[in-house]
């Protein structure tokens, strides 16, 4: 085998090892029991927008 084939085999093996490690990490993270935050602890976001243009009336107060 010449050098380019050896480099291709080594990089392919590294790629497969990284892919397997990634799948293991994803499985570990997915296995954890994640509970959503209680609604009572979430604070509402208030958006206030206004315009200084004379011909445009834009006053918005939104609660998201």
PDB file of N, CA and C in Angstrom:
ATOM      1  N   UNK A   1       0.840  -1.190   0.000  1.00  0.00           N
ATOM      2  CA  UNK A   1       0.000   0.000   0.000  1.00  0.00           C
ATOM      3  C   UNK A   1       0.878   1.243   0.000  1.00  0.00           C
ATOM      4  N   UNK A   2       0.392   2.235  -0.724  1.00  0.00           N
ATOM      5  CA  UNK A   2       1.151   3.479  -0.721  1.00  0.00           C
ATOM      6  C   UNK A   2       0.632   4.409   0.385  1.00  0.00           C
ATOM      7  N   UNK A   3       1.276   5.521   0.542  1.00  0.00           N
ATOM      8  CA  UNK A   3       0.997   6.412   1.665  1.00  0.00           C
ATOM      9  C   UNK A   3      -0.427   6.958   1.639  1.00  0.00           C
ATOM     10  N   UNK A   4      -0.977   7.297   0.488  1.00  0.00           N
ATOM     11  CA  UNK A   4      -2.320   7.878   0.422  1.00  0.00           C
ATOM     12  C   UNK A   4      -3.384   6.875   0.870  1.00  0.00           C
ATOM     13  N   UNK A   5      -3.194   5.597   0.595  1.00  0.00           N
ATOM     14  CA  UNK A   5      -4.149   4.583   1.048  1.00  0.00           C
ATOM     15  C   UNK A   5      -4.092   4.419   2.571  1.00  0.00           C
ATOM     16  N   UNK A   6      -2.904   4.480   3.124  1.00  0.00           N
ATOM     17  CA  UNK A   6      -2.757   4.371   4.585  1.00  0.00           C
ATOM     18  C   UNK A   6      -3.408   5.567   5.271  1.00  0.00           C
ATOM     19  N   UNK A   7      -3.195   6.758   4.715  1.00  0.00           N
ATOM     20  CA  UNK A   7      -3.809   7.959   5.285  1.00  0.00           C
ATOM     21  C   UNK A   7      -5.328   7.872   5.184  1.00  0.00           C
ATOM     22  N   UNK A   8      -5.844   7.369   4.077  1.00  0.00           N
ATOM     23  CA  UNK A   8      -7.295   7.229   3.903  1.00  0.00           C
ATOM     24  C   UNK A   8      -7.870   6.236   4.913  1.00  0.00           C
ATOM     25  N   UNK A   9      -7.196   5.149   5.149  1.00  0.00           N
ATOM     26  CA  UNK A   9      -7.674   4.152   6.117  1.00  0.00           C
ATOM     27  C   UNK A   9      -7.653   4.727   7.530  1.00  0.00           C
ATOM     28  N   UNK A  10      -6.585   5.441   7.872  1.00  0.00           N
ATOM     29  CA  UNK A  10      -6.483   6.021   9.219  1.00  0.00           C
ATOM     30  C   UNK A  10      -7.562   7.078   9.437  1.00  0.00           C
ATOM     31  N   UNK A  11      -7.759   7.964   8.458  1.00  0.00           N
ATOM     32  CA  UNK A  11      -8.784   9.001   8.618  1.00  0.00           C
ATOM     33  C   UNK A  11     -10.187   8.388   8.642  1.00  0.00           C
ATOM     34  N   UNK A  12     -10.405   7.337   7.886  1.00  0.00           N
ATOM     35  CA  UNK A  12     -11.693   6.640   7.932  1.00  0.00           C
ATOM     36  C   UNK A  12     -11.938   6.017   9.290  1.00  0.00           C
ATOM     37  N   UNK A  13     -10.913   5.406   9.879  1.00  0.00           N
ATOM     38  CA  UNK A  13     -11.050   4.806  11.205  1.00  0.00           C
ATOM     39  C   UNK A  13     -11.322   5.875  12.254  1.00  0.00           C
ATOM     40  N   UNK A  14     -10.634   7.010  12.166  1.00  0.00           N
ATOM     41  CA  UNK A  14     -10.871   8.119  13.108  1.00  0.00           C
ATOM     42  C   UNK A  14     -12.302   8.630  12.956  1.00  0.00           C
ATOM     43  N   UNK A  15     -12.771   8.737  11.726  1.00  0.00           N
ATOM     44  CA  UNK A  15     -14.128   9.204  11.482  1.00  0.00           C
ATOM     45  C   UNK A  15     -15.162   8.254  12.085  1.00  0.00           C
ATOM     46  N   UNK A  16     -14.964   6.962  11.938  1.00  0.00           N
ATOM     47  CA  UNK A  16     -15.891   5.987  12.501  1.00  0.00           C
ATOM     48  C   UNK A  16     -15.857   6.051  14.027  1.00  0.00           C
ATOM     49  N   UNK A  17     -14.682   6.192  14.627  1.00  0.00           N
ATOM     50  CA  UNK A  17     -14.580   6.300  16.082  1.00  0.00           C
ATOM     51  C   UNK A  17     -15.285   7.555  16.604  1.00  0.00           C
ATOM     52  N   UNK A  18     -15.122   8.674  15.893  1.00  0.00           N
ATOM     53  CA  UNK A  18     -15.807   9.906  16.298  1.00  0.00           C
ATOM     54  C   UNK A  18     -17.323   9.757  16.179  1.00  0.00           C
ATOM     55  N   UNK A  19     -17.784   9.096  15.132  1.00  0.00           N
ATOM     56  CA  UNK A  19     -19.223   8.891  14.948  1.00  0.00           C
ATOM     57  C   UNK A  19     -19.792   8.025  16.064  1.00  0.00           C
ATOM     58  N   UNK A  20     -19.085   6.958  16.432  1.00  0.00           N
ATOM     59  CA  UNK A  20     -19.546   6.086  17.513  1.00  0.00           C
ATOM     60  C   UNK A  20     -19.539   6.831  18.839  1.00  0.00           C
ATOM     61  N   UNK A  21     -18.506   7.619  19.097  1.00  0.00           N
ATOM     62  CA  UNK A  21     -18.454   8.408  20.334  1.00  0.00           C
ATOM     63  C   UNK A  21     -19.607   9.414  20.376  1.00  0.00           C
ATOM     64  N   UNK A  22     -19.916  10.043  19.252  1.00  0.00           N
ATOM     65  CA  UNK A  22     -21.024  10.989  19.181  1.00  0.00           C
ATOM     66  C   UNK A  22     -22.349  10.291  19.493  1.00  0.00           C
ATOM     67  N   UNK A  23     -22.565   9.119  18.913  1.00  0.00           N
ATOM     68  CA  UNK A  23     -23.797   8.387  19.174  1.00  0.00           C
ATOM     69  C   UNK A  23     -23.910   7.990  20.643  1.00  0.00           C
ATOM     70  N   UNK A  24     -22.813   7.611  21.256  1.00  0.00           N
ATOM     71  CA  UNK A  24     -22.830   7.253  22.680  1.00  0.00           C
ATOM     72  C   UNK A  24     -23.178   8.474  23.531  1.00  0.00           C
ATOM     73  N   UNK A  25     -22.584   9.618  23.230  1.00  0.00           N
ATOM     74  CA  UNK A  25     -22.873  10.842  23.990  1.00  0.00           C
ATOM     75  C   UNK A  25     -24.341  11.237  23.831  1.00  0.00           C
ATOM     76  N   UNK A  26     -24.866  11.136  22.608  1.00  0.00           N
ATOM     77  CA  UNK A  26     -26.273  11.483  22.374  1.00  0.00           C
ATOM     78  C   UNK A  26     -27.181  10.534  23.154  1.00  0.00           C
ATOM     79  N   UNK A  27     -26.862   9.256  23.181  1.00  0.00           N
ATOM     80  CA  UNK A  27     -27.674   8.300  23.931  1.00  0.00           C
ATOM     81  C   UNK A  27     -27.635   8.597  25.423  1.00  0.00           C
ATOM     82  N   UNK A  28     -26.487   8.960  25.949  1.00  0.00           N
ATOM     83  CA  UNK A  28     -26.378   9.292  27.373  1.00  0.00           C
ATOM     84  C   UNK A  28     -27.196  10.532  27.701  1.00  0.00           C
ATOM     85  N   UNK A  29     -27.111  11.545  26.868  1.00  0.00           N
ATOM     86  CA  UNK A  29     -27.879  12.768  27.111  1.00  0.00           C
ATOM     87  C   UNK A  29     -29.374  12.499  26.967  1.00  0.00           C
ATOM     88  N   UNK A  30     -29.765  11.692  25.993  1.00  0.00           N
ATOM     89  CA  UNK A  30     -31.174  11.393  25.765  1.00  0.00           C
ATOM     90  C   UNK A  30     -31.738  10.503  26.876  1.00  0.00           C
ATOM     91  N   UNK A  31     -30.913   9.737  27.521  1.00  0.00           N
ATOM     92  CA  UNK A  31     -31.357   8.813  28.565  1.00  0.00           C
ATOM     93  C   UNK A  31     -31.775   9.537  29.842  1.00  0.00           C
ATOM     94  N   UNK A  32     -31.191  10.719  30.070  1.00  0.00           N
ATOM     95  CA  UNK A  32     -31.516  11.469  31.285  1.00  0.00           C
ATOM     96  C   UNK A  32     -32.988  11.854  31.295  1.00  0.00           C
ATOM     97  N   UNK A  33     -33.581  11.885  32.465  1.00  0.00           N
ATOM     98  CA  UNK A  33     -34.981  12.242  32.599  1.00  0.00           C
ATOM     99  C   UNK A  33     -35.100  13.755  32.707  1.00  0.00           C
ATOM    100  N   UNK A  34     -35.426  14.389  31.614  1.00  0.00           N
ATOM    101  CA  UNK A  34     -35.529  15.839  31.594  1.00  0.00           C
ATOM    102  C   UNK A  34     -36.971  16.238  31.899  1.00  0.00           C
ATOM    103  N   UNK A  35     -37.145  17.108  32.897  1.00  0.00           N
ATOM    104  CA  UNK A  35     -38.464  17.590  33.259  1.00  0.00           C
ATOM    105  C   UNK A  35     -38.565  19.061  32.858  1.00  0.00           C
ATOM    106  N   UNK A  36     -39.692  19.467  32.286  1.00  0.00           N
ATOM    107  CA  UNK A  36     -39.826  20.869  31.901  1.00  0.00           C
ATOM    108  C   UNK A  36     -39.937  21.773  33.129  1.00  0.00           C
ATOM    109  N   UNK A  37     -39.585  23.018  32.949  1.00  0.00           N
ATOM    110  CA  UNK A  37     -39.667  23.985  34.040  1.00  0.00           C
ATOM    111  C   UNK A  37     -41.134  24.227  34.389  1.00  0.00           C
ATOM    112  N   UNK A  38     -41.424  24.391  35.672  1.00  0.00           N
ATOM    113  CA  UNK A  38     -42.811  24.688  36.067  1.00  0.00           C
ATOM    114  C   UNK A  38     -43.254  26.027  35.483  1.00  0.00           C
ATOM    115  N   UNK A  39     -44.503  26.093  35.092  1.00  0.00           N
ATOM    116  CA  UNK A  39     -45.037  27.313  34.481  1.00  0.00           C
ATOM    117  C   UNK A  39     -44.983  28.482  35.467  1.00  0.00           C
ATOM    118  N   UNK A  40     -45.144  28.203  36.749  1.00  0.00           N
ATOM    119  CA  UNK A  40     -45.165  29.281  37.738  1.00  0.00           C
ATOM    120  C   UNK A  40     -43.817  29.985  37.869  1.00  0.00           C
ATOM    121  N   UNK A  41     -42.733  29.328  37.491  1.00  0.00           N
ATOM    122  CA  UNK A  41     -41.415  29.934  37.628  1.00  0.00           C
ATOM    123  C   UNK A  41     -40.974  30.685  36.376  1.00  0.00           C
ATOM    124  N   UNK A  42     -41.744  30.606  35.322  1.00  0.00           N
ATOM    125  CA  UNK A  42     -41.407  31.335  34.100  1.00  0.00           C
ATOM    126  C   UNK A  42     -41.973  32.739  34.187  1.00  0.00           C
ATOM    127  N   UNK A  43     -41.149  33.734  33.928  1.00  0.00           N
ATOM    128  CA  UNK A  43     -41.626  35.113  33.957  1.00  0.00           C
ATOM    129  C   UNK A  43     -42.030  35.531  32.541  1.00  0.00           C
ATOM    130  N   UNK A  44     -43.111  36.309  32.411  1.00  0.00           N
ATOM    131  CA  UNK A  44     -43.550  36.729  31.077  1.00  0.00           C
ATOM    132  C   UNK A  44     -42.578  37.740  30.472  1.00  0.00           C
ATOM    133  N   UNK A  45     -42.472  37.707  29.179  1.00  0.00           N
ATOM    134  CA  UNK A  45     -41.615  38.631  28.447  1.00  0.00           C
ATOM    135  C   UNK A  45     -42.494  39.753  27.907  1.00  0.00           C
ATOM    136  N   UNK A  46     -42.116  40.980  28.177  1.00  0.00           N
ATOM    137  CA  UNK A  46     -42.892  42.130  27.729  1.00  0.00           C
ATOM    138  C   UNK A  46     -42.109  42.837  26.641  1.00  0.00           C
ATOM    139  N   UNK A  47     -42.790  43.084  25.511  1.00  0.00           N
ATOM    140  CA  UNK A  47     -42.162  43.771  24.381  1.00  0.00           C
ATOM    141  C   UNK A  47     -42.894  45.094  24.183  1.00  0.00           C
ATOM    142  N   UNK A  48     -42.139  46.186  24.185  1.00  0.00           N
ATOM    143  CA  UNK A  48     -42.708  47.513  23.953  1.00  0.00           C
ATOM    144  C   UNK A  48     -41.999  48.108  22.746  1.00  0.00           C
ATOM    145  N   UNK A  49     -42.805  48.497  21.741  1.00  0.00           N
ATOM    146  CA  UNK A  49     -42.236  49.080  20.526  1.00  0.00           C
ATOM    147  C   UNK A  49     -42.975  50.364  20.197  1.00  0.00           C
ATOM    148  N   UNK A  50     -42.244  51.377  19.786  1.00  0.00           N
ATOM    149  CA  UNK A  50     -42.874  52.624  19.363  1.00  0.00           C
ATOM    150  C   UNK A  50     -42.044  53.222  18.244  1.00  0.00           C
ATOM    151  N   UNK A  51     -42.659  54.111  17.491  1.00  0.00           N
ATOM    152  CA  UNK A  51     -41.989  54.713  16.346  1.00  0.00           C
ATOM    153  C   UNK A  51     -41.976  56.227  16.506  1.00  0.00           C
ATOM    154  N   UNK A  52     -40.916  56.866  16.038  1.00  0.00           N
ATOM    155  CA  UNK A  52     -40.808  58.323  16.092  1.00  0.00           C
ATOM    156  C   UNK A  52     -41.165  58.980  14.763  1.00  0.00           C
ATOM    157  N   UNK A  53     -41.587  58.177  13.776  1.00  0.00           N
ATOM    158  CA  UNK A  53     -41.971  58.751  12.492  1.00  0.00           C
ATOM    159  C   UNK A  53     -43.301  59.485  12.632  1.00  0.00           C
ATOM    160  N   UNK A  54     -43.442  60.695  12.057  1.00  0.00           N
ATOM    161  CA  UNK A  54     -44.663  61.491  12.266  1.00  0.00           C
ATOM    162  C   UNK A  54     -45.909  60.886  11.624  1.00  0.00           C
ATOM    163  N   UNK A  55     -45.801  60.211  10.500  1.00  0.00           N
ATOM    164  CA  UNK A  55     -46.971  59.696   9.795  1.00  0.00           C
ATOM    165  C   UNK A  55     -47.320  58.267  10.201  1.00  0.00           C
ATOM    166  N   UNK A  56     -46.545  57.659  11.055  1.00  0.00           N
ATOM    167  CA  UNK A  56     -46.763  56.258  11.403  1.00  0.00           C
ATOM    168  C   UNK A  56     -47.121  56.143  12.878  1.00  0.00           C
ATOM    169  N   UNK A  57     -48.304  55.694  13.124  1.00  0.00           N
ATOM    170  CA  UNK A  57     -48.746  55.478  14.497  1.00  0.00           C
ATOM    171  C   UNK A  57     -48.500  54.024  14.862  1.00  0.00           C
ATOM    172  N   UNK A  58     -47.518  53.778  15.719  1.00  0.00           N
ATOM    173  CA  UNK A  58     -47.171  52.415  16.113  1.00  0.00           C
ATOM    174  C   UNK A  58     -46.838  52.407  17.584  1.00  0.00           C
ATOM    175  N   UNK A  59     -47.770  51.954  18.358  1.00  0.00           N
ATOM    176  CA  UNK A  59     -47.539  51.763  19.786  1.00  0.00           C
ATOM    177  C   UNK A  59     -48.021  50.345  20.113  1.00  0.00           C
ATOM    178  N   UNK A  60     -47.101  49.488  20.404  1.00  0.00           N
ATOM    179  CA  UNK A  60     -47.435  48.077  20.652  1.00  0.00           C
ATOM    180  C   UNK A  60     -46.915  47.691  22.022  1.00  0.00           C
ATOM    181  N   UNK A  61     -47.761  47.073  22.776  1.00  0.00           N
ATOM    182  CA  UNK A  61     -47.341  46.456  24.024  1.00  0.00           C
ATOM    183  C   UNK A  61     -47.834  45.019  23.959  1.00  0.00           C
ATOM    184  N   UNK A  62     -46.936  44.099  23.906  1.00  0.00           N
ATOM    185  CA  UNK A  62     -47.297  42.691  23.748  1.00  0.00           C
ATOM    186  C   UNK A  62     -46.755  41.895  24.915  1.00  0.00           C
ATOM    187  N   UNK A  63     -47.528  40.956  25.354  1.00  0.00           N
ATOM    188  CA  UNK A  63     -47.107  40.049  26.405  1.00  0.00           C
ATOM    189  C   UNK A  63     -46.950  38.680  25.761  1.00  0.00           C
ATOM    190  N   UNK A  64     -45.737  38.174  25.752  1.00  0.00           N
ATOM    191  CA  UNK A  64     -45.485  36.894  25.096  1.00  0.00           C
ATOM    192  C   UNK A  64     -45.332  35.825  26.147  1.00  0.00           C
TER     193      UNK A  64
END
